Structure formats: structure tokens, C-alpha cells
PDB file of all heavy atoms in Angstrom:
ATOM      1  N   ASN A   1       0.707   8.119  13.588  1.00  0.00           N
ATOM      2  CA  ASN A   1       0.821   8.288  15.044  1.00  0.00           C
ATOM      3  C   ASN A   1       0.836   6.891  15.633  1.00  0.00           C
ATOM      4  O   ASN A   1       1.010   5.943  14.895  1.00  0.00           O
ATOM      5  CB  ASN A   1      -0.233   9.168  15.647  1.00  0.00           C
ATOM      6  CG  ASN A   1      -1.623   8.771  15.140  1.00  0.00           C
ATOM      7  OD1 ASN A   1      -1.919   7.602  15.196  1.00  0.00           O
ATOM      8  ND2 ASN A   1      -2.432   9.743  14.696  1.00  0.00           N
ATOM      9  N   GLU A   2       0.592   6.854  16.891  1.00  0.00           N
ATOM     10  CA  GLU A   2       0.656   5.534  17.493  1.00  0.00           C
ATOM     11  C   GLU A   2      -0.453   4.589  17.120  1.00  0.00           C
ATOM     12  O   GLU A   2      -0.330   3.341  17.151  1.00  0.00           O
ATOM     13  CB  GLU A   2       0.702   5.567  19.078  1.00  0.00           C
ATOM     14  CG  GLU A   2       1.805   6.258  19.738  1.00  0.00           C
ATOM     15  CD  GLU A   2       3.115   5.560  19.351  1.00  0.00           C
ATOM     16  OE1 GLU A   2       3.017   4.188  19.361  1.00  0.00           O
ATOM     17  OE2 GLU A   2       4.097   6.190  19.345  1.00  0.00           O
ATOM     18  N   LYS A   3      -1.655   5.154  16.729  1.00  0.00           N
ATOM     19  CA  LYS A   3      -2.754   4.361  16.347  1.00  0.00           C
ATOM     20  C   LYS A   3      -2.876   4.181  14.752  1.00  0.00           C
ATOM     21  O   LYS A   3      -3.445   3.259  14.282  1.00  0.00           O
ATOM     22  CB  LYS A   3      -4.003   4.969  16.932  1.00  0.00           C
ATOM     23  CG  LYS A   3      -4.153   4.684  18.385  1.00  0.00           C
ATOM     24  CD  LYS A   3      -5.502   5.195  18.907  1.00  0.00           C
ATOM     25  CE  LYS A   3      -5.742   4.762  20.337  1.00  0.00           C
ATOM     26  NZ  LYS A   3      -5.970   3.319  20.403  1.00  0.00           N
ATOM     27  N   LEU A   4      -2.424   5.263  13.939  1.00  0.00           N
ATOM     28  CA  LEU A   4      -2.849   5.175  12.640  1.00  0.00           C
ATOM     29  C   LEU A   4      -1.451   5.066  11.653  1.00  0.00           C
ATOM     30  O   LEU A   4      -0.550   5.721  11.890  1.00  0.00           O
ATOM     31  CB  LEU A   4      -3.550   6.482  12.270  1.00  0.00           C
ATOM     32  CG  LEU A   4      -3.774   6.753  10.691  1.00  0.00           C
ATOM     33  CD1 LEU A   4      -4.752   5.752  10.206  1.00  0.00           C
ATOM     34  CD2 LEU A   4      -4.328   8.213  10.522  1.00  0.00           C
ATOM     35  N   SER A   5      -1.565   4.224  10.762  1.00  0.00           N
ATOM     36  CA  SER A   5      -0.573   3.991   9.728  1.00  0.00           C
ATOM     37  C   SER A   5      -1.222   3.910   8.426  1.00  0.00           C
ATOM     38  O   SER A   5      -2.287   3.277   8.180  1.00  0.00           O
ATOM     39  CB  SER A   5       0.272   2.699  10.024  1.00  0.00           C
ATOM     40  OG  SER A   5       0.882   2.765  11.223  1.00  0.00           O
ATOM     41  N   ILE A   6      -0.588   4.462   7.285  1.00  0.00           N
ATOM     42  CA  ILE A   6      -1.091   4.385   5.889  1.00  0.00           C
ATOM     43  C   ILE A   6      -0.101   3.733   5.080  1.00  0.00           C
ATOM     44  O   ILE A   6       1.167   3.767   5.319  1.00  0.00           O
ATOM     45  CB  ILE A   6      -1.465   5.820   5.341  1.00  0.00           C
ATOM     46  CG1 ILE A   6      -0.359   6.651   5.482  1.00  0.00           C
ATOM     47  CG2 ILE A   6      -2.652   6.384   6.207  1.00  0.00           C
ATOM     48  CD1 ILE A   6      -0.624   8.102   4.791  1.00  0.00           C
ATOM     49  N   ASN A   7      -0.415   3.211   3.969  1.00  0.00           N
ATOM     50  CA  ASN A   7       0.404   2.640   2.936  1.00  0.00           C
ATOM     51  C   ASN A   7      -0.115   2.844   1.527  1.00  0.00           C
ATOM     52  O   ASN A   7      -1.310   2.859   1.371  1.00  0.00           O
ATOM     53  CB  ASN A   7       0.642   1.112   3.301  1.00  0.00           C
ATOM     54  CG  ASN A   7      -0.621   0.227   3.192  1.00  0.00           C
ATOM     55  OD1 ASN A   7      -0.894  -0.131   1.996  1.00  0.00           O
ATOM     56  ND2 ASN A   7      -1.312   0.059   4.160  1.00  0.00           N
ATOM     57  N   TYR A   8       0.723   2.894   0.620  1.00  0.00           N
ATOM     58  CA  TYR A   8       0.428   3.079  -0.815  1.00  0.00           C
ATOM     59  C   TYR A   8       1.521   2.498  -1.734  1.00  0.00           C
ATOM     60  O   TYR A   8       2.661   2.625  -1.283  1.00  0.00           O
ATOM     61  CB  TYR A   8       0.272   4.499  -1.181  1.00  0.00           C
ATOM     62  CG  TYR A   8       1.166   5.512  -0.326  1.00  0.00           C
ATOM     63  CD1 TYR A   8       2.365   5.857  -0.836  1.00  0.00           C
ATOM     64  CD2 TYR A   8       0.723   6.041   0.899  1.00  0.00           C
ATOM     65  CE1 TYR A   8       3.224   6.598  -0.084  1.00  0.00           C
ATOM     66  CE2 TYR A   8       1.650   6.755   1.620  1.00  0.00           C
ATOM     67  CZ  TYR A   8       2.873   7.074   1.033  1.00  0.00           C
ATOM     68  OH  TYR A   8       3.786   7.853   1.693  1.00  0.00           O
ATOM     69  N   ALA A   9       1.052   1.920  -2.828  1.00  0.00           N
ATOM     70  CA  ALA A   9       1.964   1.243  -3.745  1.00  0.00           C
ATOM     71  C   ALA A   9       1.442   1.166  -5.049  1.00  0.00           C
ATOM     72  O   ALA A   9       0.294   1.141  -5.291  1.00  0.00           O
ATOM     73  CB  ALA A   9       2.379  -0.078  -3.149  1.00  0.00           C
ATOM     74  N   ALA A  10       2.176   0.900  -6.107  1.00  0.00           N
ATOM     75  CA  ALA A  10       1.898   0.601  -7.496  1.00  0.00           C
ATOM     76  C   ALA A  10       2.821  -0.436  -8.113  1.00  0.00           C
ATOM     77  O   ALA A  10       3.941  -0.582  -7.747  1.00  0.00           O
ATOM     78  CB  ALA A  10       1.874   1.861  -8.253  1.00  0.00           C
ATOM     79  N   SER A  11       2.310  -1.065  -9.050  1.00  0.00           N
ATOM     80  CA  SER A  11       3.114  -2.184  -9.864  1.00  0.00           C
ATOM     81  C   SER A  11       2.717  -1.993 -11.387  1.00  0.00           C
ATOM     82  O   SER A  11       1.654  -1.477 -11.726  1.00  0.00           O
ATOM     83  CB  SER A  11       2.780  -3.518  -9.426  1.00  0.00           C
ATOM     84  OG  SER A  11       1.395  -3.833  -9.453  1.00  0.00           O
ATOM     85  N   MET A  12       3.804  -2.379 -12.059  1.00  0.00           N
ATOM     86  CA  MET A  12       3.586  -2.218 -13.651  1.00  0.00           C
ATOM     87  C   MET A  12       4.302  -3.457 -14.302  1.00  0.00           C
ATOM     88  O   MET A  12       5.302  -3.986 -13.767  1.00  0.00           O
ATOM     89  CB  MET A  12       4.264  -1.059 -14.054  1.00  0.00           C
ATOM     90  CG  MET A  12       4.090  -0.684 -15.606  1.00  0.00           C
ATOM     91  SD  MET A  12       4.842   0.853 -16.042  1.00  0.00           S
ATOM     92  CE  MET A  12       3.696   1.946 -15.286  1.00  0.00           C
ATOM     93  N   THR A  13       3.676  -4.034 -15.332  1.00  0.00           N
ATOM     94  CA  THR A  13       4.188  -5.064 -16.030  1.00  0.00           C
ATOM     95  C   THR A  13       5.365  -4.636 -17.007  1.00  0.00           C
ATOM     96  O   THR A  13       5.560  -3.376 -17.162  1.00  0.00           O
ATOM     97  CB  THR A  13       3.070  -5.821 -16.965  1.00  0.00           C
ATOM     98  OG1 THR A  13       2.649  -4.852 -17.920  1.00  0.00           O
ATOM     99  CG2 THR A  13       1.983  -6.325 -16.084  1.00  0.00           C
ATOM    100  N   MET A  14       6.238  -5.638 -17.489  1.00  0.00           N
ATOM    101  CA  MET A  14       7.314  -5.257 -18.349  1.00  0.00           C
ATOM    102  C   MET A  14       6.780  -4.681 -19.644  1.00  0.00           C
ATOM    103  O   MET A  14       5.713  -5.145 -20.184  1.00  0.00           O
ATOM    104  CB  MET A  14       8.015  -6.496 -18.762  1.00  0.00           C
ATOM    105  CG  MET A  14       8.725  -7.088 -17.517  1.00  0.00           C
ATOM    106  SD  MET A  14      10.112  -6.117 -17.013  1.00  0.00           S
ATOM    107  CE  MET A  14      11.300  -6.512 -18.322  1.00  0.00           C
ATOM    108  N   PRO A  15       7.469  -3.645 -20.236  1.00  0.00           N
ATOM    109  CA  PRO A  15       6.945  -3.096 -21.490  1.00  0.00           C
ATOM    110  C   PRO A  15       7.182  -4.091 -22.703  1.00  0.00           C
ATOM    111  O   PRO A  15       8.018  -5.062 -22.497  1.00  0.00           O
ATOM    112  CB  PRO A  15       7.658  -1.930 -21.657  1.00  0.00           C
ATOM    113  CG  PRO A  15       8.861  -2.093 -20.865  1.00  0.00           C
ATOM    114  CD  PRO A  15       8.544  -2.956 -19.744  1.00  0.00           C
ATOM    115  N   GLY A  16       6.610  -3.855 -23.696  1.00  0.00           N
ATOM    116  CA  GLY A  16       6.832  -4.553 -25.042  1.00  0.00           C
ATOM    117  C   GLY A  16       5.963  -5.827 -25.224  1.00  0.00           C
ATOM    118  O   GLY A  16       6.309  -6.725 -26.054  1.00  0.00           O
ATOM    119  N   GLN A  17       4.927  -5.993 -24.393  1.00  0.00           N
ATOM    120  CA  GLN A  17       4.030  -7.119 -24.529  1.00  0.00           C
ATOM    121  C   GLN A  17       3.093  -6.857 -25.736  1.00  0.00           C
ATOM    122  O   GLN A  17       2.592  -5.716 -25.997  1.00  0.00           O
ATOM    123  CB  GLN A  17       3.243  -7.409 -23.293  1.00  0.00           C
ATOM    124  CG  GLN A  17       4.095  -7.899 -22.083  1.00  0.00           C
ATOM    125  CD  GLN A  17       3.144  -8.040 -20.895  1.00  0.00           C
ATOM    126  OE1 GLN A  17       2.069  -7.458 -20.861  1.00  0.00           O
ATOM    127  NE2 GLN A  17       3.667  -8.802 -19.890  1.00  0.00           N
ATOM    128  N   ASP A  18       2.812  -7.946 -26.561  1.00  0.00           N
ATOM    129  CA  ASP A  18       1.819  -7.991 -27.606  1.00  0.00           C
ATOM    130  C   ASP A  18       0.499  -8.075 -27.015  1.00  0.00           C
ATOM    131  O   ASP A  18       0.236  -8.781 -26.052  1.00  0.00           O
ATOM    132  CB  ASP A  18       2.006  -9.052 -28.548  1.00  0.00           C
ATOM    133  CG  ASP A  18       3.457  -8.962 -29.262  1.00  0.00           C
ATOM    134  OD1 ASP A  18       3.882  -7.771 -29.404  1.00  0.00           O
ATOM    135  OD2 ASP A  18       4.051  -9.966 -29.702  1.00  0.00           O
ATOM    136  N   TYR A  19      -0.482  -7.298 -27.666  1.00  0.00           N
ATOM    137  CA  TYR A  19      -1.810  -7.348 -27.333  1.00  0.00           C
ATOM    138  C   TYR A  19      -2.054  -7.137 -25.802  1.00  0.00           C
ATOM    139  O   TYR A  19      -3.020  -7.758 -25.119  1.00  0.00           O
ATOM    140  CB  TYR A  19      -2.553  -8.715 -27.639  1.00  0.00           C
ATOM    141  CG  TYR A  19      -2.199  -9.103 -28.959  1.00  0.00           C
ATOM    142  CD1 TYR A  19      -1.390 -10.092 -29.281  1.00  0.00           C
ATOM    143  CD2 TYR A  19      -2.749  -8.347 -30.075  1.00  0.00           C
ATOM    144  CE1 TYR A  19      -0.994 -10.548 -30.599  1.00  0.00           C
ATOM    145  CE2 TYR A  19      -2.407  -8.695 -31.366  1.00  0.00           C
ATOM    146  CZ  TYR A  19      -1.460  -9.924 -31.663  1.00  0.00           C
ATOM    147  OH  TYR A  19      -1.352 -10.219 -32.975  1.00  0.00           O
ATOM    148  N   ALA A  20      -1.266  -6.202 -25.207  1.00  0.00           N
ATOM    149  CA  ALA A  20      -1.408  -5.944 -23.736  1.00  0.00           C
ATOM    150  C   ALA A  20      -2.496  -4.832 -23.375  1.00  0.00           C
ATOM    151  O   ALA A  20      -2.830  -4.642 -22.242  1.00  0.00           O
ATOM    152  CB  ALA A  20      -0.079  -5.428 -23.185  1.00  0.00           C
ATOM    153  N   GLY A  21      -2.974  -4.280 -24.344  1.00  0.00           N
ATOM    154  CA  GLY A  21      -4.127  -3.159 -24.143  1.00  0.00           C
ATOM    155  C   GLY A  21      -3.474  -1.836 -23.911  1.00  0.00           C
ATOM    156  O   GLY A  21      -2.298  -1.622 -24.140  1.00  0.00           O
ATOM    157  N   ASP A  22      -4.273  -0.993 -23.245  1.00  0.00           N
ATOM    158  CA  ASP A  22      -3.781   0.437 -22.944  1.00  0.00           C
ATOM    159  C   ASP A  22      -2.950   0.467 -21.643  1.00  0.00           C
ATOM    160  O   ASP A  22      -2.682  -0.665 -21.013  1.00  0.00           O
ATOM    161  CB  ASP A  22      -5.015   1.320 -22.772  1.00  0.00           C
ATOM    162  CG  ASP A  22      -5.823   1.441 -24.041  1.00  0.00           C
ATOM    163  OD1 ASP A  22      -5.242   1.369 -25.149  1.00  0.00           O
ATOM    164  OD2 ASP A  22      -7.050   1.395 -23.948  1.00  0.00           O
ATOM    165  N   PHE A  23      -2.653   1.525 -21.243  1.00  0.00           N
ATOM    166  CA  PHE A  23      -1.705   1.691 -20.081  1.00  0.00           C
ATOM    167  C   PHE A  23      -2.386   1.209 -18.756  1.00  0.00           C
ATOM    168  O   PHE A  23      -1.815   0.450 -17.990  1.00  0.00           O
ATOM    169  CB  PHE A  23      -1.301   3.176 -19.861  1.00  0.00           C
ATOM    170  CG  PHE A  23      -0.518   3.487 -18.656  1.00  0.00           C
ATOM    171  CD1 PHE A  23       0.708   3.025 -18.478  1.00  0.00           C
ATOM    172  CD2 PHE A  23      -1.225   4.056 -17.497  1.00  0.00           C
ATOM    173  CE1 PHE A  23       1.453   3.368 -17.274  1.00  0.00           C
ATOM    174  CE2 PHE A  23      -0.555   4.291 -16.346  1.00  0.00           C
ATOM    175  CZ  PHE A  23       0.766   3.880 -16.240  1.00  0.00           C
ATOM    176  N   GLU A  24      -3.685   1.465 -18.692  1.00  0.00           N
ATOM    177  CA  GLU A  24      -4.486   1.095 -17.458  1.00  0.00           C
ATOM    178  C   GLU A  24      -4.431  -0.421 -17.330  1.00  0.00           C
ATOM    179  O   GLU A  24      -4.739  -0.960 -16.286  1.00  0.00           O
ATOM    180  CB  GLU A  24      -5.726   1.820 -17.439  1.00  0.00           C
ATOM    181  CG  GLU A  24      -6.669   1.372 -18.607  1.00  0.00           C
ATOM    182  CD  GLU A  24      -6.592   2.454 -19.666  1.00  0.00           C
ATOM    183  OE1 GLU A  24      -5.517   3.257 -19.672  1.00  0.00           O
ATOM    184  OE2 GLU A  24      -7.538   2.542 -20.378  1.00  0.00           O
ATOM    185  N   ASP A  25      -4.280  -1.069 -18.515  1.00  0.00           N
ATOM    186  CA  ASP A  25      -4.353  -2.633 -18.481  1.00  0.00           C
ATOM    187  C   ASP A  25      -3.061  -3.315 -17.967  1.00  0.00           C
ATOM    188  O   ASP A  25      -2.936  -4.409 -17.715  1.00  0.00           O
ATOM    189  CB  ASP A  25      -4.626  -3.021 -19.819  1.00  0.00           C
ATOM    190  CG  ASP A  25      -6.085  -2.606 -20.310  1.00  0.00           C
ATOM    191  OD1 ASP A  25      -7.023  -2.495 -19.508  1.00  0.00           O
ATOM    192  OD2 ASP A  25      -6.065  -2.312 -21.507  1.00  0.00           O
ATOM    193  N   THR A  26      -1.980  -2.564 -17.800  1.00  0.00           N
ATOM    194  CA  THR A  26      -0.704  -2.995 -17.534  1.00  0.00           C
ATOM    195  C   THR A  26      -0.233  -2.412 -16.069  1.00  0.00           C
ATOM    196  O   THR A  26       0.801  -2.522 -15.757  1.00  0.00           O
ATOM    197  CB  THR A  26       0.476  -2.622 -18.554  1.00  0.00           C
ATOM    198  OG1 THR A  26       0.598  -1.297 -18.633  1.00  0.00           O
ATOM    199  CG2 THR A  26       0.098  -3.282 -19.806  1.00  0.00           C
ATOM    200  N   PHE A  27      -1.131  -1.595 -15.366  1.00  0.00           N
ATOM    201  CA  PHE A  27      -0.810  -0.890 -14.238  1.00  0.00           C
ATOM    202  C   PHE A  27      -1.740  -1.402 -13.079  1.00  0.00           C
ATOM    203  O   PHE A  27      -2.924  -1.551 -13.330  1.00  0.00           O
ATOM    204  CB  PHE A  27      -0.871   0.530 -14.559  1.00  0.00           C
ATOM    205  CG  PHE A  27      -0.614   1.573 -13.327  1.00  0.00           C
ATOM    206  CD1 PHE A  27       0.503   1.734 -12.867  1.00  0.00           C
ATOM    207  CD2 PHE A  27      -1.843   1.928 -12.540  1.00  0.00           C
ATOM    208  CE1 PHE A  27       0.726   2.580 -11.683  1.00  0.00           C
ATOM    209  CE2 PHE A  27      -1.677   2.757 -11.391  1.00  0.00           C
ATOM    210  CZ  PHE A  27      -0.328   3.081 -11.113  1.00  0.00           C
ATOM    211  N   SER A  28      -1.240  -1.461 -11.945  1.00  0.00           N
ATOM    212  CA  SER A  28      -2.003  -1.819 -10.752  1.00  0.00           C
ATOM    213  C   SER A  28      -1.612  -0.972  -9.565  1.00  0.00           C
ATOM    214  O   SER A  28      -0.401  -0.780  -9.411  1.00  0.00           O
ATOM    215  CB  SER A  28      -1.953  -3.305 -10.388  1.00  0.00           C
ATOM    216  OG  SER A  28      -2.769  -3.611  -9.373  1.00  0.00           O
ATOM    217  N   ALA A  29      -2.470  -0.589  -8.645  1.00  0.00           N
ATOM    218  CA  ALA A  29      -2.148   0.206  -7.518  1.00  0.00           C
ATOM    219  C   ALA A  29      -2.979  -0.188  -6.304  1.00  0.00           C
ATOM    220  O   ALA A  29      -4.028  -0.714  -6.504  1.00  0.00           O
ATOM    221  CB  ALA A  29      -2.262   1.680  -7.820  1.00  0.00           C
ATOM    222  N   ARG A  30      -2.533   0.173  -5.150  1.00  0.00           N
ATOM    223  CA  ARG A  30      -3.166  -0.054  -3.964  1.00  0.00           C
ATOM    224  C   ARG A  30      -2.893   1.038  -2.984  1.00  0.00           C
ATOM    225  O   ARG A  30      -1.857   1.665  -2.867  1.00  0.00           O
ATOM    226  CB  ARG A  30      -2.972  -1.312  -3.340  1.00  0.00           C
ATOM    227  CG  ARG A  30      -1.577  -1.480  -2.717  1.00  0.00           C
ATOM    228  CD  ARG A  30      -1.377  -2.807  -1.882  1.00  0.00           C
ATOM    229  NE  ARG A  30       0.007  -3.092  -1.505  1.00  0.00           N
ATOM    230  CZ  ARG A  30       0.700  -2.470  -0.575  1.00  0.00           C
ATOM    231  NH1 ARG A  30       0.113  -1.459   0.162  1.00  0.00           N
ATOM    232  NH2 ARG A  30       1.856  -2.843  -0.289  1.00  0.00           N
ATOM    233  N   ALA A  31      -3.880   1.232  -1.996  1.00  0.00           N
ATOM    234  CA  ALA A  31      -3.628   2.233  -0.867  1.00  0.00           C
ATOM    235  C   ALA A  31      -4.523   1.729   0.377  1.00  0.00           C
ATOM    236  O   ALA A  31      -5.625   1.119   0.092  1.00  0.00           O
ATOM    237  CB  ALA A  31      -4.057   3.589  -1.262  1.00  0.00           C
ATOM    238  N   GLY A  32      -4.187   1.924   1.444  1.00  0.00           N
ATOM    239  CA  GLY A  32      -4.874   1.504   2.588  1.00  0.00           C
ATOM    240  C   GLY A  32      -4.352   2.101   4.014  1.00  0.00           C
ATOM    241  O   GLY A  32      -3.219   2.892   3.906  1.00  0.00           O
ATOM    242  N   PHE A  33      -5.114   1.817   4.993  1.00  0.00           N
ATOM    243  CA  PHE A  33      -4.575   2.470   6.366  1.00  0.00           C
ATOM    244  C   PHE A  33      -4.864   1.276   7.432  1.00  0.00           C
ATOM    245  O   PHE A  33      -5.802   0.509   7.231  1.00  0.00           O
ATOM    246  CB  PHE A  33      -5.266   3.685   6.653  1.00  0.00           C
ATOM    247  CG  PHE A  33      -6.796   3.561   6.959  1.00  0.00           C
ATOM    248  CD1 PHE A  33      -7.208   3.427   8.254  1.00  0.00           C
ATOM    249  CD2 PHE A  33      -7.688   3.587   5.873  1.00  0.00           C
ATOM    250  CE1 PHE A  33      -8.511   3.237   8.535  1.00  0.00           C
ATOM    251  CE2 PHE A  33      -9.102   3.451   6.059  1.00  0.00           C
ATOM    252  CZ  PHE A  33      -9.516   3.328   7.519  1.00  0.00           C
ATOM    253  N   ILE A  34      -4.064   1.424   8.540  1.00  0.00           N
ATOM    254  CA  ILE A  34      -4.418   0.541   9.654  1.00  0.00           C
ATOM    255  C   ILE A  34      -4.615   1.454  10.816  1.00  0.00           C
ATOM    256  O   ILE A  34      -3.833   2.334  11.229  1.00  0.00           O
ATOM    257  CB  ILE A  34      -3.075  -0.323   9.936  1.00  0.00           C
ATOM    258  CG1 ILE A  34      -2.839  -1.234   8.714  1.00  0.00           C
ATOM    259  CG2 ILE A  34      -3.119  -1.114  11.165  1.00  0.00           C
ATOM    260  CD1 ILE A  34      -1.511  -1.933   8.788  1.00  0.00           C
ATOM    261  N   TRP A  35      -5.637   1.028  11.554  1.00  0.00           N
ATOM    262  CA  TRP A  35      -6.219   1.778  12.721  1.00  0.00           C
ATOM    263  C   TRP A  35      -6.198   0.938  13.968  1.00  0.00           C
ATOM    264  O   TRP A  35      -6.986   0.000  13.843  1.00  0.00           O
ATOM    265  CB  TRP A  35      -7.524   2.485  12.469  1.00  0.00           C
ATOM    266  CG  TRP A  35      -8.024   3.332  13.690  1.00  0.00           C
ATOM    267  CD1 TRP A  35      -8.809   2.975  14.726  1.00  0.00           C
ATOM    268  CD2 TRP A  35      -7.657   4.734  14.014  1.00  0.00           C
ATOM    269  NE1 TRP A  35      -9.091   3.885  15.594  1.00  0.00           N
ATOM    270  CE2 TRP A  35      -8.279   5.038  15.230  1.00  0.00           C
ATOM    271  CE3 TRP A  35      -6.760   5.793  13.446  1.00  0.00           C
ATOM    272  CZ2 TRP A  35      -8.226   6.358  15.700  1.00  0.00           C
ATOM    273  CZ3 TRP A  35      -6.715   6.989  13.966  1.00  0.00           C
ATOM    274  CH2 TRP A  35      -7.417   7.158  15.231  1.00  0.00           C
ATOM    275  N   LYS A  36      -5.502   1.076  14.916  1.00  0.00           N
ATOM    276  CA  LYS A  36      -5.359   0.285  16.033  1.00  0.00           C
ATOM    277  C   LYS A  36      -6.505   0.558  17.008  1.00  0.00           C
ATOM    278  O   LYS A  36      -6.562   1.740  17.348  1.00  0.00           O
ATOM    279  CB  LYS A  36      -3.979   0.376  16.708  1.00  0.00           C
ATOM    280  CG  LYS A  36      -2.790  -0.074  15.932  1.00  0.00           C
ATOM    281  CD  LYS A  36      -1.392   0.081  16.711  1.00  0.00           C
ATOM    282  CE  LYS A  36      -0.252  -0.294  15.922  1.00  0.00           C
ATOM    283  NZ  LYS A  36       1.022  -0.214  16.664  1.00  0.00           N
ATOM    284  N   LEU A  37      -7.112  -0.417  17.428  1.00  0.00           N
ATOM    285  CA  LEU A  37      -8.260  -0.188  18.243  1.00  0.00           C
ATOM    286  C   LEU A  37      -7.866  -0.704  19.657  1.00  0.00           C
ATOM    287  O   LEU A  37      -6.958  -1.583  19.947  1.00  0.00           O
ATOM    288  CB  LEU A  37      -9.364  -1.028  17.805  1.00  0.00           C
ATOM    289  CG  LEU A  37      -9.980  -0.687  16.456  1.00  0.00           C
ATOM    290  CD1 LEU A  37     -11.150  -1.588  16.123  1.00  0.00           C
ATOM    291  CD2 LEU A  37     -10.318   0.760  16.416  1.00  0.00           C
ATOM    292  N   GLY A  38      -8.472  -0.144  20.739  1.00  0.00           N
ATOM    293  CA  GLY A  38      -8.142  -0.476  22.123  1.00  0.00           C
ATOM    294  C   GLY A  38      -6.957   0.249  22.712  1.00  0.00           C
ATOM    295  O   GLY A  38      -6.388   1.108  22.037  1.00  0.00           O
ATOM    296  N   LYS A  39      -6.497  -0.221  23.845  1.00  0.00           N
ATOM    297  CA  LYS A  39      -5.348   0.462  24.549  1.00  0.00           C
ATOM    298  C   LYS A  39      -4.137   0.137  23.926  1.00  0.00           C
ATOM    299  O   LYS A  39      -3.902  -1.138  23.597  1.00  0.00           O
ATOM    300  CB  LYS A  39      -5.395   0.000  26.060  1.00  0.00           C
ATOM    301  CG  LYS A  39      -4.316   0.700  26.904  1.00  0.00           C
ATOM    302  CD  LYS A  39      -4.448   0.232  28.370  1.00  0.00           C
ATOM    303  CE  LYS A  39      -3.189   0.863  29.163  1.00  0.00           C
ATOM    304  NZ  LYS A  39      -3.392   0.451  30.500  1.00  0.00           N
ATOM    305  N   THR A  40      -3.201   1.089  23.785  1.00  0.00           N
ATOM    306  CA  THR A  40      -1.947   0.925  23.162  1.00  0.00           C
ATOM    307  C   THR A  40      -0.940   0.602  24.275  1.00  0.00           C
ATOM    308  O   THR A  40      -0.742   1.336  25.189  1.00  0.00           O
ATOM    309  CB  THR A  40      -1.497   2.167  22.400  1.00  0.00           C
ATOM    310  OG1 THR A  40      -2.446   2.448  21.360  1.00  0.00           O
ATOM    311  CG2 THR A  40      -0.051   1.863  21.793  1.00  0.00           C
ATOM    312  N   ASN A  41      -0.249  -0.638  24.115  1.00  0.00           N
ATOM    313  CA  ASN A  41       0.772  -0.791  25.146  1.00  0.00           C
ATOM    314  C   ASN A  41       2.118  -0.298  24.758  1.00  0.00           C
ATOM    315  O   ASN A  41       2.798  -0.846  23.685  1.00  0.00           O
ATOM    316  CB  ASN A  41       0.826  -2.436  25.190  1.00  0.00           C
ATOM    317  CG  ASN A  41      -0.343  -3.139  25.798  1.00  0.00           C
ATOM    318  OD1 ASN A  41      -0.969  -2.465  26.720  1.00  0.00           O
ATOM    319  ND2 ASN A  41      -0.722  -4.184  25.287  1.00  0.00           N
ATOM    320  N   LYS A  42       2.558   0.776  25.323  1.00  0.00           N
ATOM    321  CA  LYS A  42       3.859   1.403  24.968  1.00  0.00           C
ATOM    322  C   LYS A  42       4.912   0.615  25.572  1.00  0.00           C
ATOM    323  O   LYS A  42       4.958   0.248  26.728  1.00  0.00           O
ATOM    324  CB  LYS A  42       3.769   2.832  25.537  1.00  0.00           C
ATOM    325  CG  LYS A  42       2.666   3.684  24.878  1.00  0.00           C
ATOM    326  CD  LYS A  42       2.840   5.149  25.419  1.00  0.00           C
ATOM    327  CE  LYS A  42       1.928   6.116  24.752  1.00  0.00           C
ATOM    328  NZ  LYS A  42       1.927   7.435  25.254  1.00  0.00           N
ATOM    329  N   PRO A  43       6.027   0.599  24.835  1.00  0.00           N
ATOM    330  CA  PRO A  43       7.189  -0.125  25.375  1.00  0.00           C
ATOM    331  C   PRO A  43       7.916   0.799  26.446  1.00  0.00           C
ATOM    332  O   PRO A  43       7.635   1.881  26.534  1.00  0.00           O
ATOM    333  CB  PRO A  43       8.126  -0.158  24.193  1.00  0.00           C
ATOM    334  CG  PRO A  43       7.697   0.941  23.258  1.00  0.00           C
ATOM    335  CD  PRO A  43       6.265   1.088  23.514  1.00  0.00           C
ATOM    336  N   THR A  44       8.484   0.040  27.601  1.00  0.00           N
ATOM    337  CA  THR A  44       9.125   0.807  28.567  1.00  0.00           C
ATOM    338  C   THR A  44      10.245   1.630  28.083  1.00  0.00           C
ATOM    339  O   THR A  44      11.069   1.257  27.175  1.00  0.00           O
ATOM    340  CB  THR A  44       9.686  -0.293  29.590  1.00  0.00           C
ATOM    341  OG1 THR A  44       8.708  -1.045  29.999  1.00  0.00           O
ATOM    342  CG2 THR A  44      10.352   0.538  30.731  1.00  0.00           C
ATOM    343  N   GLN A  45      10.255   2.935  28.530  1.00  0.00           N
ATOM    344  CA  GLN A  45      11.280   3.763  28.047  1.00  0.00           C
ATOM    345  C   GLN A  45      12.080   4.284  29.213  1.00  0.00           C
ATOM    346  O   GLN A  45      11.701   4.393  30.342  1.00  0.00           O
ATOM    347  CB  GLN A  45      10.642   5.010  27.417  1.00  0.00           C
ATOM    348  CG  GLN A  45       9.824   4.660  26.180  1.00  0.00           C
ATOM    349  CD  GLN A  45       9.183   6.002  25.594  1.00  0.00           C
ATOM    350  OE1 GLN A  45       9.276   7.069  26.172  1.00  0.00           O
ATOM    351  NE2 GLN A  45       8.628   5.755  24.341  1.00  0.00           N
ATOM    352  N   ILE A  46      13.371   4.549  29.003  1.00  0.00           N
ATOM    353  CA  ILE A  46      14.313   5.010  30.046  1.00  0.00           C
ATOM    354  C   ILE A  46      15.058   6.276  29.568  1.00  0.00           C
ATOM    355  O   ILE A  46      15.050   6.647  28.337  1.00  0.00           O
ATOM    356  CB  ILE A  46      15.534   4.020  30.307  1.00  0.00           C
ATOM    357  CG1 ILE A  46      16.274   3.691  29.027  1.00  0.00           C
ATOM    358  CG2 ILE A  46      14.887   2.682  30.893  1.00  0.00           C
ATOM    359  CD1 ILE A  46      17.463   2.709  29.223  1.00  0.00           C
TER     360      ILE A  46
END
């Protein structure tokens, strides 16, 4: 909505590396949200 935004992403290394460990050692992920505080300035609409 006008105040709340969420984001989520993941990254992975190239396969075939020596001594890279298990899958969780080659994988990374993030998630977050943005909550706007205060009055929202809406753009003029026609």
C-alpha cells in the first residue's frame, strides 16, 4: 500500500567449486520491509 513495501531476494555462487562446503555455504538470502512514517504526500491527480 502507500506506506508498506516488502522485498525478498536470494543469491548463489557458481557450482563446481572445490571445498565449498554444503549447499547452505553457497547460498545467501535476504528479506525486509519498508514502512513509511508520517504524512504521505500524494502526487496531484487529474
